[in-house]
Amino acid sequence: LTYINPYALLADPVIRAYEKISRGDIVGGANALISGLVFDQYLDTQIAAQAVISMTENRDPTTGKPIVEDISDTTGEAFYKKATFLLQEAYSPDVLKRGIKAAQTAASEEGYVDPDHTVLRILGGAFLPFKVHTIDPEKQLRNYLFRSKEEFSNIRSRKNVLRSMKPQSTDDIIDIMNEEQENRTAISNHNIRMMKGAIKYGLAERQAYQTLRDAGIPERRASNLMFGQQDRINITPDWAEGMVKYKETEEEKAVMLNRLNTIWKWVAAQPQNQKLVEGPVAESRKP
């Protein structure tokens, strides 16, 4: 186990400066203090690099929304927004950010202020040894599942390489199917871990299932995930027909039929239903 001292950001620079000063290196001590309290905290290259990456991807990592609107923002507005984001994200100290936010709150003419966003709460947060983050388990799970669904589809589409006339041995075909099965299993297990985490932070089991459906997960697969299992790979008639349909010669069609025969034999050898190592999502579904 490890322990992270929340006050280390303040204590470490002071300690390093004291060590240098105690050895008579006054200038070195001053440099260590300034570097530790200012440059390492607010001008760190990793923070700046991440800000540049976010700006390049046009995505605010805090909100998940675009920094610049591609259609409605003019060139000047886009430049201003990206420059402002870079300065605020990489080089603006948290105390300054909070001071600006507190001033905006104080200037508001609204009579009611959310208790979490009062001037005292905003300014007081600068002196806490940690940052308070509001966890929305349903939102985080839904965002993850949308990305996971896309990855799952990409994995399924990899076997489309078998549609080409590039030579494929029986072992090559089996390797492609085995890889798809392993990747599907890895994603399904990770889906379950994410759902268990969301439930741990207050999401109801029924909401977890509904979030699966809202993210576009088919009903059969969503139900299987809740029970900690998955079906074997399904070769649909449309996919099988597409292997042969557009081939021009009888020889090419024969090659595709041989590949399909290998795939069907592989599928038939797999268990119809596979138990996943992560198990059911909720305790109530465990045997």
C-alpha atoms as a PDB file:
ATOM      1  CA  LEU A   1       0.000   0.000   0.000  1.00  0.00           C
ATOM      2  CA  THR A   2       1.108   3.553  -0.614  1.00  0.00           C
ATOM      3  CA  TYR A   3       0.142   6.808   1.067  1.00  0.00           C
ATOM      4  CA  ILE A   4       0.037  10.151  -0.688  1.00  0.00           C
ATOM      5  CA  ASN A   5       0.583  13.123   1.587  1.00  0.00           C
ATOM      6  CA  PRO A   6      -1.862  15.829   0.409  1.00  0.00           C
ATOM      7  CA  TYR A   7       0.354  18.544   1.896  1.00  0.00           C
ATOM      8  CA  ALA A   8       3.476  17.365   0.060  1.00  0.00           C
ATOM      9  CA  LEU A   9       2.995  19.976  -2.659  1.00  0.00           C
ATOM     10  CA  LEU A  10       3.667  22.651  -0.048  1.00  0.00           C
ATOM     11  CA  ALA A  11       5.953  20.784   2.332  1.00  0.00           C
ATOM     12  CA  ASP A  12       8.429  19.294  -0.152  1.00  0.00           C
ATOM     13  CA  PRO A  13       9.631  22.610  -1.653  1.00  0.00           C
ATOM     14  CA  VAL A  14      10.133  24.034   1.856  1.00  0.00           C
ATOM     15  CA  ILE A  15      12.130  20.984   2.944  1.00  0.00           C
ATOM     16  CA  ARG A  16      14.324  21.059  -0.161  1.00  0.00           C
ATOM     17  CA  ALA A  17      14.923  24.793   0.307  1.00  0.00           C
ATOM     18  CA  TYR A  18      15.794  24.326   4.002  1.00  0.00           C
ATOM     19  CA  GLU A  19      18.339  21.607   3.161  1.00  0.00           C
ATOM     20  CA  LYS A  20      20.155  23.916   0.757  1.00  0.00           C
ATOM     21  CA  ILE A  21      20.027  26.912   3.088  1.00  0.00           C
ATOM     22  CA  SER A  22      21.355  24.798   6.003  1.00  0.00           C
ATOM     23  CA  ARG A  23      24.375  23.999   3.852  1.00  0.00           C
ATOM     24  CA  GLY A  24      24.941  27.687   3.181  1.00  0.00           C
ATOM     25  CA  ASP A  25      23.473  27.720  -0.316  1.00  0.00           C
ATOM     26  CA  ILE A  26      21.115  30.682   0.112  1.00  0.00           C
ATOM     27  CA  VAL A  27      20.572  31.206  -3.628  1.00  0.00           C
ATOM     28  CA  GLY A  28      19.983  27.518  -4.224  1.00  0.00           C
ATOM     29  CA  GLY A  29      17.475  27.425  -1.384  1.00  0.00           C
ATOM     30  CA  ALA A  30      15.566  30.365  -2.808  1.00  0.00           C
ATOM     31  CA  ASN A  31      15.555  28.782  -6.261  1.00  0.00           C
ATOM     32  CA  ALA A  32      14.288  25.464  -4.862  1.00  0.00           C
ATOM     33  CA  LEU A  33      11.498  27.235  -2.982  1.00  0.00           C
ATOM     34  CA  ILE A  34      10.351  29.299  -5.962  1.00  0.00           C
ATOM     35  CA  SER A  35      10.661  26.377  -8.370  1.00  0.00           C
ATOM     36  CA  GLY A  36       8.721  24.033  -6.104  1.00  0.00           C
ATOM     37  CA  LEU A  37       5.932  26.422  -5.191  1.00  0.00           C
ATOM     38  CA  VAL A  38       5.490  28.137  -8.541  1.00  0.00           C
ATOM     39  CA  PHE A  39       7.061  26.520 -11.588  1.00  0.00           C
ATOM     40  CA  ASP A  40       6.517  22.862 -10.662  1.00  0.00           C
ATOM     41  CA  GLN A  41       2.929  23.588  -9.653  1.00  0.00           C
ATOM     42  CA  TYR A  42       1.704  25.922 -12.352  1.00  0.00           C
ATOM     43  CA  LEU A  43       4.166  25.669 -15.233  1.00  0.00           C
ATOM     44  CA  ASP A  44       4.598  21.916 -15.341  1.00  0.00           C
ATOM     45  CA  THR A  45       5.324  20.670 -18.873  1.00  0.00           C
ATOM     46  CA  GLN A  46       3.010  17.664 -18.521  1.00  0.00           C
ATOM     47  CA  ILE A  47       0.078  19.927 -17.708  1.00  0.00           C
ATOM     48  CA  ALA A  48       0.915  22.134 -20.672  1.00  0.00           C
ATOM     49  CA  ALA A  49       1.280  19.130 -22.976  1.00  0.00           C
ATOM     50  CA  GLN A  50      -2.098  17.740 -21.941  1.00  0.00           C
ATOM     51  CA  ALA A  51      -3.683  21.145 -22.510  1.00  0.00           C
ATOM     52  CA  VAL A  52      -2.211  21.286 -26.019  1.00  0.00           C
ATOM     53  CA  ILE A  53      -3.490  17.777 -26.760  1.00  0.00           C
ATOM     54  CA  SER A  54      -6.980  18.719 -25.568  1.00  0.00           C
ATOM     55  CA  MET A  55      -6.868  21.877 -27.662  1.00  0.00           C
ATOM     56  CA  THR A  56      -5.772  19.914 -30.748  1.00  0.00           C
ATOM     57  CA  GLU A  57      -8.587  17.406 -30.228  1.00  0.00           C
ATOM     58  CA  ASN A  58     -10.988  20.331 -29.641  1.00  0.00           C
ATOM     59  CA  ARG A  59     -12.340  18.718 -26.489  1.00  0.00           C
ATOM     60  CA  ASP A  60     -12.534  20.195 -22.979  1.00  0.00           C
ATOM     61  CA  PRO A  61     -11.511  17.290 -20.694  1.00  0.00           C
ATOM     62  CA  THR A  62     -13.561  18.684 -17.812  1.00  0.00           C
ATOM     63  CA  THR A  63     -16.895  18.999 -19.592  1.00  0.00           C
ATOM     64  CA  GLY A  64     -16.368  16.735 -22.595  1.00  0.00           C
ATOM     65  CA  LYS A  65     -17.713  19.489 -24.840  1.00  0.00           C
ATOM     66  CA  PRO A  66     -15.977  21.058 -27.863  1.00  0.00           C
ATOM     67  CA  ILE A  67     -13.759  24.062 -27.117  1.00  0.00           C
ATOM     68  CA  VAL A  68     -14.676  25.575 -30.481  1.00  0.00           C
ATOM     69  CA  GLU A  69     -17.827  25.114 -32.513  1.00  0.00           C
ATOM     70  CA  ASP A  70     -16.751  24.225 -36.054  1.00  0.00           C
ATOM     71  CA  ILE A  71     -19.741  25.806 -37.768  1.00  0.00           C
ATOM     72  CA  SER A  72     -20.929  28.736 -35.693  1.00  0.00           C
ATOM     73  CA  ASP A  73     -17.586  30.151 -34.460  1.00  0.00           C
ATOM     74  CA  THR A  74     -15.692  32.516 -36.718  1.00  0.00           C
ATOM     75  CA  THR A  75     -11.934  32.187 -37.203  1.00  0.00           C
ATOM     76  CA  GLY A  76     -11.292  34.989 -34.708  1.00  0.00           C
ATOM     77  CA  GLU A  77     -13.636  33.498 -32.120  1.00  0.00           C
ATOM     78  CA  ALA A  78     -12.061  30.077 -32.537  1.00  0.00           C
ATOM     79  CA  PHE A  79      -8.553  31.476 -32.036  1.00  0.00           C
ATOM     80  CA  TYR A  80      -9.631  33.413 -28.931  1.00  0.00           C
ATOM     81  CA  LYS A  81     -11.387  30.401 -27.378  1.00  0.00           C
ATOM     82  CA  LYS A  82      -8.440  28.070 -27.944  1.00  0.00           C
ATOM     83  CA  ALA A  83      -5.908  30.591 -26.654  1.00  0.00           C
ATOM     84  CA  THR A  84      -8.039  31.254 -23.576  1.00  0.00           C
ATOM     85  CA  PHE A  85      -8.436  27.531 -22.930  1.00  0.00           C
ATOM     86  CA  LEU A  86      -4.683  26.915 -23.196  1.00  0.00           C
ATOM     87  CA  LEU A  87      -3.825  29.717 -20.767  1.00  0.00           C
ATOM     88  CA  GLN A  88      -6.491  28.749 -18.263  1.00  0.00           C
ATOM     89  CA  GLU A  89      -5.864  25.016 -18.429  1.00  0.00           C
ATOM     90  CA  ALA A  90      -2.069  25.015 -18.387  1.00  0.00           C
ATOM     91  CA  TYR A  91      -0.839  28.187 -16.738  1.00  0.00           C
ATOM     92  CA  SER A  92      -3.592  29.637 -14.581  1.00  0.00           C
ATOM     93  CA  PRO A  93      -3.101  28.850 -10.862  1.00  0.00           C
ATOM     94  CA  ASP A  94      -6.096  27.340  -9.092  1.00  0.00           C
ATOM     95  CA  VAL A  95      -6.220  30.274  -6.640  1.00  0.00           C
ATOM     96  CA  LEU A  96      -6.570  32.721  -9.532  1.00  0.00           C
ATOM     97  CA  LYS A  97      -9.274  30.632 -11.165  1.00  0.00           C
ATOM     98  CA  ARG A  98     -11.198  30.496  -7.904  1.00  0.00           C
ATOM     99  CA  GLY A  99     -10.789  34.217  -7.340  1.00  0.00           C
ATOM    100  CA  ILE A 100     -12.308  34.974 -10.742  1.00  0.00           C
ATOM    101  CA  LYS A 101     -15.157  32.539 -10.163  1.00  0.00           C
ATOM    102  CA  ALA A 102     -15.838  33.970  -6.698  1.00  0.00           C
ATOM    103  CA  ALA A 103     -15.952  37.502  -8.122  1.00  0.00           C
ATOM    104  CA  GLN A 104     -18.433  36.400 -10.777  1.00  0.00           C
ATOM    105  CA  THR A 105     -20.601  34.771  -8.131  1.00  0.00           C
ATOM    106  CA  ALA A 106     -20.510  37.860  -5.904  1.00  0.00           C
ATOM    107  CA  ALA A 107     -21.530  40.051  -8.840  1.00  0.00           C
ATOM    108  CA  SER A 108     -24.535  37.884  -9.662  1.00  0.00           C
ATOM    109  CA  GLU A 109     -27.930  39.501  -9.152  1.00  0.00           C
ATOM    110  CA  GLU A 110     -29.692  36.210  -8.460  1.00  0.00           C
ATOM    111  CA  GLY A 111     -31.111  35.880  -4.967  1.00  0.00           C
ATOM    112  CA  TYR A 112     -30.391  32.155  -4.539  1.00  0.00           C
ATOM    113  CA  VAL A 113     -26.927  30.631  -4.680  1.00  0.00           C
ATOM    114  CA  ASP A 114     -26.303  26.898  -4.587  1.00  0.00           C
ATOM    115  CA  PRO A 115     -24.572  26.023  -1.250  1.00  0.00           C
ATOM    116  CA  ASP A 116     -21.760  24.331  -3.177  1.00  0.00           C
ATOM    117  CA  HIS A 117     -21.071  27.495  -5.174  1.00  0.00           C
ATOM    118  CA  THR A 118     -21.030  30.254  -2.575  1.00  0.00           C
ATOM    119  CA  VAL A 119     -18.141  32.706  -2.481  1.00  0.00           C
ATOM    120  CA  LEU A 120     -16.818  31.191   0.768  1.00  0.00           C
ATOM    121  CA  ARG A 121     -17.049  27.649  -0.574  1.00  0.00           C
ATOM    122  CA  ILE A 122     -15.246  28.586  -3.795  1.00  0.00           C
ATOM    123  CA  LEU A 123     -12.404  30.406  -2.056  1.00  0.00           C
ATOM    124  CA  GLY A 124     -12.158  27.878   0.753  1.00  0.00           C
ATOM    125  CA  GLY A 125     -11.585  25.109  -1.760  1.00  0.00           C
ATOM    126  CA  ALA A 126      -8.203  26.612  -2.640  1.00  0.00           C
ATOM    127  CA  PHE A 127      -6.887  25.690   0.813  1.00  0.00           C
ATOM    128  CA  LEU A 128      -8.126  22.108   0.906  1.00  0.00           C
ATOM    129  CA  PRO A 129      -5.452  19.394   0.535  1.00  0.00           C
ATOM    130  CA  PHE A 130      -7.661  17.700  -2.051  1.00  0.00           C
ATOM    131  CA  LYS A 131     -10.151  18.558  -4.781  1.00  0.00           C
ATOM    132  CA  VAL A 132     -13.821  17.690  -4.493  1.00  0.00           C
ATOM    133  CA  HIS A 133     -15.251  15.991  -7.569  1.00  0.00           C
ATOM    134  CA  THR A 134     -18.945  15.265  -8.010  1.00  0.00           C
ATOM    135  CA  ILE A 135     -19.401  11.709  -9.257  1.00  0.00           C
ATOM    136  CA  ASP A 136     -22.264  11.017 -11.652  1.00  0.00           C
ATOM    137  CA  PRO A 137     -22.072   7.215 -12.027  1.00  0.00           C
ATOM    138  CA  GLU A 138     -24.830   7.017 -14.656  1.00  0.00           C
ATOM    139  CA  LYS A 139     -23.228   9.669 -16.878  1.00  0.00           C
ATOM    140  CA  GLN A 140     -19.749   8.186 -16.563  1.00  0.00           C
ATOM    141  CA  LEU A 141     -21.041   4.681 -17.277  1.00  0.00           C
ATOM    142  CA  ARG A 142     -23.047   5.860 -20.276  1.00  0.00           C
ATOM    143  CA  ASN A 143     -20.060   7.721 -21.778  1.00  0.00           C
ATOM    144  CA  TYR A 144     -17.869   4.661 -21.308  1.00  0.00           C
ATOM    145  CA  LEU A 145     -20.448   2.307 -22.851  1.00  0.00           C
ATOM    146  CA  PHE A 146     -20.772   4.435 -25.983  1.00  0.00           C
ATOM    147  CA  ARG A 147     -17.008   4.148 -26.524  1.00  0.00           C
ATOM    148  CA  SER A 148     -17.057   0.457 -25.628  1.00  0.00           C
ATOM    149  CA  LYS A 149     -19.868  -0.267 -28.100  1.00  0.00           C
ATOM    150  CA  GLU A 150     -17.828   1.311 -30.894  1.00  0.00           C
ATOM    151  CA  GLU A 151     -14.769  -0.738 -29.942  1.00  0.00           C
ATOM    152  CA  PHE A 152     -16.900  -3.895 -29.821  1.00  0.00           C
ATOM    153  CA  SER A 153     -18.167  -3.203 -33.353  1.00  0.00           C
ATOM    154  CA  ASN A 154     -14.637  -2.602 -34.602  1.00  0.00           C
ATOM    155  CA  ILE A 155     -13.530  -5.941 -33.201  1.00  0.00           C
ATOM    156  CA  ARG A 156     -16.387  -7.757 -34.920  1.00  0.00           C
ATOM    157  CA  SER A 157     -15.568  -6.104 -38.245  1.00  0.00           C
ATOM    158  CA  ARG A 158     -11.947  -7.315 -38.235  1.00  0.00           C
ATOM    159  CA  LYS A 159     -12.939 -10.676 -39.642  1.00  0.00           C
ATOM    160  CA  ASN A 160     -14.079  -8.861 -42.791  1.00  0.00           C
ATOM    161  CA  VAL A 161     -10.487  -9.396 -43.927  1.00  0.00           C
ATOM    162  CA  LEU A 162     -11.687 -12.889 -44.825  1.00  0.00           C
ATOM    163  CA  ARG A 163     -13.822 -11.386 -47.612  1.00  0.00           C
ATOM    164  CA  SER A 164     -10.715 -10.513 -49.635  1.00  0.00           C
ATOM    165  CA  MET A 165      -9.054 -12.964 -51.978  1.00  0.00           C
ATOM    166  CA  LYS A 166      -5.789 -12.733 -50.069  1.00  0.00           C
ATOM    167  CA  PRO A 167      -4.711 -16.327 -49.326  1.00  0.00           C
ATOM    168  CA  GLN A 168      -5.799 -17.543 -45.875  1.00  0.00           C
ATOM    169  CA  SER A 169      -4.917 -20.884 -44.367  1.00  0.00           C
ATOM    170  CA  THR A 170      -7.237 -22.754 -42.017  1.00  0.00           C
ATOM    171  CA  ASP A 171      -4.970 -21.761 -39.122  1.00  0.00           C
ATOM    172  CA  ASP A 172      -5.146 -18.110 -40.202  1.00  0.00           C
ATOM    173  CA  ILE A 173      -8.950 -18.211 -40.147  1.00  0.00           C
ATOM    174  CA  ILE A 174      -9.030 -19.892 -36.727  1.00  0.00           C
ATOM    175  CA  ASP A 175      -6.542 -17.352 -35.348  1.00  0.00           C
ATOM    176  CA  ILE A 176      -8.793 -14.493 -36.532  1.00  0.00           C
ATOM    177  CA  MET A 177     -11.836 -16.054 -34.848  1.00  0.00           C
ATOM    178  CA  ASN A 178      -9.923 -16.805 -31.631  1.00  0.00           C
ATOM    179  CA  GLU A 179      -8.671 -13.223 -31.475  1.00  0.00           C
ATOM    180  CA  GLU A 180     -12.192 -11.851 -31.895  1.00  0.00           C
ATOM    181  CA  GLN A 181     -13.455 -14.122 -29.122  1.00  0.00           C
ATOM    182  CA  GLU A 182     -10.654 -13.064 -26.751  1.00  0.00           C
ATOM    183  CA  ASN A 183     -11.222  -9.372 -27.451  1.00  0.00           C
ATOM    184  CA  ARG A 184     -15.008  -9.677 -27.055  1.00  0.00           C
ATOM    185  CA  THR A 185     -14.467 -11.410 -23.721  1.00  0.00           C
ATOM    186  CA  ALA A 186     -12.064  -8.712 -22.521  1.00  0.00           C
ATOM    187  CA  ILE A 187     -14.538  -5.938 -23.379  1.00  0.00           C
ATOM    188  CA  SER A 188     -17.470  -7.762 -21.775  1.00  0.00           C
ATOM    189  CA  ASN A 189     -15.515  -8.291 -18.555  1.00  0.00           C
ATOM    190  CA  HIS A 190     -14.555  -4.628 -18.518  1.00  0.00           C
ATOM    191  CA  ASN A 191     -18.193  -3.648 -19.091  1.00  0.00           C
ATOM    192  CA  ILE A 192     -19.152  -5.613 -16.001  1.00  0.00           C
ATOM    193  CA  ARG A 193     -16.380  -4.034 -13.908  1.00  0.00           C
ATOM    194  CA  MET A 194     -17.569  -0.578 -14.927  1.00  0.00           C
ATOM    195  CA  MET A 195     -21.183  -1.403 -14.078  1.00  0.00           C
ATOM    196  CA  LYS A 196     -20.182  -2.789 -10.691  1.00  0.00           C
ATOM    197  CA  GLY A 197     -18.268   0.421 -10.033  1.00  0.00           C
ATOM    198  CA  ALA A 198     -21.292   2.538 -10.978  1.00  0.00           C
ATOM    199  CA  ILE A 199     -23.523   0.477  -8.683  1.00  0.00           C
ATOM    200  CA  LYS A 200     -20.987   0.881  -5.884  1.00  0.00           C
ATOM    201  CA  TYR A 201     -21.319   4.660  -6.234  1.00  0.00           C
ATOM    202  CA  GLY A 202     -25.105   4.601  -5.988  1.00  0.00           C
ATOM    203  CA  LEU A 203     -26.487   3.565  -9.375  1.00  0.00           C
ATOM    204  CA  ALA A 204     -29.358   1.113  -9.047  1.00  0.00           C
ATOM    205  CA  GLU A 205     -29.102  -2.250 -10.803  1.00  0.00           C
ATOM    206  CA  ARG A 206     -32.139  -1.444 -12.946  1.00  0.00           C
ATOM    207  CA  GLN A 207     -30.543   1.866 -13.945  1.00  0.00           C
ATOM    208  CA  ALA A 208     -27.333   0.067 -14.891  1.00  0.00           C
ATOM    209  CA  TYR A 209     -29.278  -2.205 -17.236  1.00  0.00           C
ATOM    210  CA  GLN A 210     -31.199   0.730 -18.715  1.00  0.00           C
ATOM    211  CA  THR A 211     -27.934   2.588 -19.262  1.00  0.00           C
ATOM    212  CA  LEU A 212     -26.706  -0.397 -21.267  1.00  0.00           C
ATOM    213  CA  ARG A 213     -29.794  -0.224 -23.463  1.00  0.00           C
ATOM    214  CA  ASP A 214     -29.606   3.563 -23.802  1.00  0.00           C
ATOM    215  CA  ALA A 215     -26.017   3.217 -25.026  1.00  0.00           C
ATOM    216  CA  GLY A 216     -27.203   1.007 -27.863  1.00  0.00           C
ATOM    217  CA  ILE A 217     -26.260  -2.381 -26.391  1.00  0.00           C
ATOM    218  CA  PRO A 218     -28.670  -4.997 -27.845  1.00  0.00           C
ATOM    219  CA  GLU A 219     -31.187  -6.445 -25.394  1.00  0.00           C
ATOM    220  CA  ARG A 220     -29.752  -9.968 -25.530  1.00  0.00           C
ATOM    221  CA  ARG A 221     -26.191  -8.853 -24.860  1.00  0.00           C
ATOM    222  CA  ALA A 222     -27.278  -6.391 -22.147  1.00  0.00           C
ATOM    223  CA  SER A 223     -29.156  -9.155 -20.331  1.00  0.00           C
ATOM    224  CA  ASN A 224     -26.180 -11.497 -20.650  1.00  0.00           C
ATOM    225  CA  LEU A 225     -23.853  -8.883 -19.158  1.00  0.00           C
ATOM    226  CA  MET A 226     -26.124  -8.456 -16.159  1.00  0.00           C
ATOM    227  CA  PHE A 227     -25.889 -12.220 -15.583  1.00  0.00           C
ATOM    228  CA  GLY A 228     -22.110 -12.291 -16.141  1.00  0.00           C
ATOM    229  CA  GLN A 229     -22.091 -14.208 -19.392  1.00  0.00           C
ATOM    230  CA  GLN A 230     -21.907 -13.824 -23.171  1.00  0.00           C
ATOM    231  CA  ASP A 231     -23.049 -15.756 -26.221  1.00  0.00           C
ATOM    232  CA  ARG A 232     -20.617 -17.285 -28.668  1.00  0.00           C
ATOM    233  CA  ILE A 233     -19.853 -15.443 -31.903  1.00  0.00           C
ATOM    234  CA  ASN A 234     -22.860 -15.385 -34.203  1.00  0.00           C
ATOM    235  CA  ILE A 235     -22.338 -15.586 -37.970  1.00  0.00           C
ATOM    236  CA  THR A 236     -25.430 -13.923 -39.411  1.00  0.00           C
ATOM    237  CA  PRO A 237     -26.944 -15.057 -42.734  1.00  0.00           C
ATOM    238  CA  ASP A 238     -26.355 -11.582 -44.187  1.00  0.00           C
ATOM    239  CA  TRP A 239     -22.652 -11.694 -43.305  1.00  0.00           C
ATOM    240  CA  ALA A 240     -22.270 -15.206 -44.727  1.00  0.00           C
ATOM    241  CA  GLU A 241     -24.139 -14.259 -47.906  1.00  0.00           C
ATOM    242  CA  GLY A 242     -21.908 -11.205 -48.329  1.00  0.00           C
ATOM    243  CA  MET A 243     -18.842 -13.470 -48.358  1.00  0.00           C
ATOM    244  CA  VAL A 244     -20.008 -15.122 -51.570  1.00  0.00           C
ATOM    245  CA  LYS A 245     -22.471 -12.762 -53.225  1.00  0.00           C
ATOM    246  CA  TYR A 246     -20.081 -10.346 -54.903  1.00  0.00           C
ATOM    247  CA  LYS A 247     -17.493 -12.847 -56.124  1.00  0.00           C
ATOM    248  CA  GLU A 248     -17.270 -12.944 -59.894  1.00  0.00           C
ATOM    249  CA  THR A 249     -16.050 -16.472 -60.633  1.00  0.00           C
ATOM    250  CA  GLU A 250     -17.065 -19.889 -59.396  1.00  0.00           C
ATOM    251  CA  GLU A 251     -13.511 -20.439 -58.148  1.00  0.00           C
ATOM    252  CA  GLU A 252     -13.701 -17.349 -55.946  1.00  0.00           C
ATOM    253  CA  LYS A 253     -17.086 -18.416 -54.609  1.00  0.00           C
ATOM    254  CA  ALA A 254     -15.685 -21.849 -53.791  1.00  0.00           C
ATOM    255  CA  VAL A 255     -12.847 -20.246 -51.800  1.00  0.00           C
ATOM    256  CA  MET A 256     -15.353 -18.202 -49.793  1.00  0.00           C
ATOM    257  CA  LEU A 257     -17.533 -21.254 -49.130  1.00  0.00           C
ATOM    258  CA  ASN A 258     -14.501 -23.168 -47.840  1.00  0.00           C
ATOM    259  CA  ARG A 259     -13.691 -20.286 -45.490  1.00  0.00           C
ATOM    260  CA  LEU A 260     -17.276 -20.169 -44.257  1.00  0.00           C
ATOM    261  CA  ASN A 261     -17.164 -23.921 -43.632  1.00  0.00           C
ATOM    262  CA  THR A 262     -14.042 -23.426 -41.469  1.00  0.00           C
ATOM    263  CA  ILE A 263     -15.725 -20.573 -39.562  1.00  0.00           C
ATOM    264  CA  TRP A 264     -18.919 -22.553 -38.927  1.00  0.00           C
ATOM    265  CA  LYS A 265     -16.929 -25.537 -37.661  1.00  0.00           C
ATOM    266  CA  TRP A 266     -15.043 -23.233 -35.296  1.00  0.00           C
ATOM    267  CA  VAL A 267     -18.288 -21.650 -34.028  1.00  0.00           C
ATOM    268  CA  ALA A 268     -19.917 -25.051 -33.511  1.00  0.00           C
ATOM    269  CA  ALA A 269     -16.973 -26.115 -31.340  1.00  0.00           C
ATOM    270  CA  GLN A 270     -17.468 -23.182 -28.945  1.00  0.00           C
ATOM    271  CA  PRO A 271     -19.772 -23.315 -25.919  1.00  0.00           C
ATOM    272  CA  GLN A 272     -23.097 -21.683 -26.731  1.00  0.00           C
ATOM    273  CA  ASN A 273     -22.888 -19.592 -23.579  1.00  0.00           C
ATOM    274  CA  GLN A 274     -19.684 -18.470 -21.854  1.00  0.00           C
ATOM    275  CA  LYS A 275     -19.433 -17.512 -18.184  1.00  0.00           C
ATOM    276  CA  LEU A 276     -17.340 -14.386 -17.698  1.00  0.00           C
ATOM    277  CA  VAL A 277     -14.705 -14.211 -14.961  1.00  0.00           C
ATOM    278  CA  GLU A 278     -16.148 -10.953 -13.577  1.00  0.00           C
ATOM    279  CA  GLY A 279     -19.379 -12.741 -12.741  1.00  0.00           C
ATOM    280  CA  PRO A 280     -22.875 -11.221 -12.497  1.00  0.00           C
ATOM    281  CA  VAL A 281     -23.231  -7.487 -12.113  1.00  0.00           C
ATOM    282  CA  ALA A 282     -25.181  -7.566  -8.851  1.00  0.00           C
ATOM    283  CA  GLU A 283     -24.963  -9.819  -5.811  1.00  0.00           C
ATOM    284  CA  SER A 284     -28.609 -10.797  -6.255  1.00  0.00           C
ATOM    285  CA  ARG A 285     -27.764 -12.488  -9.537  1.00  0.00           C
ATOM    286  CA  LYS A 286     -25.010 -14.685  -8.154  1.00  0.00           C
ATOM    287  CA  PRO A 287     -25.837 -18.405  -7.725  1.00  0.00           C
END
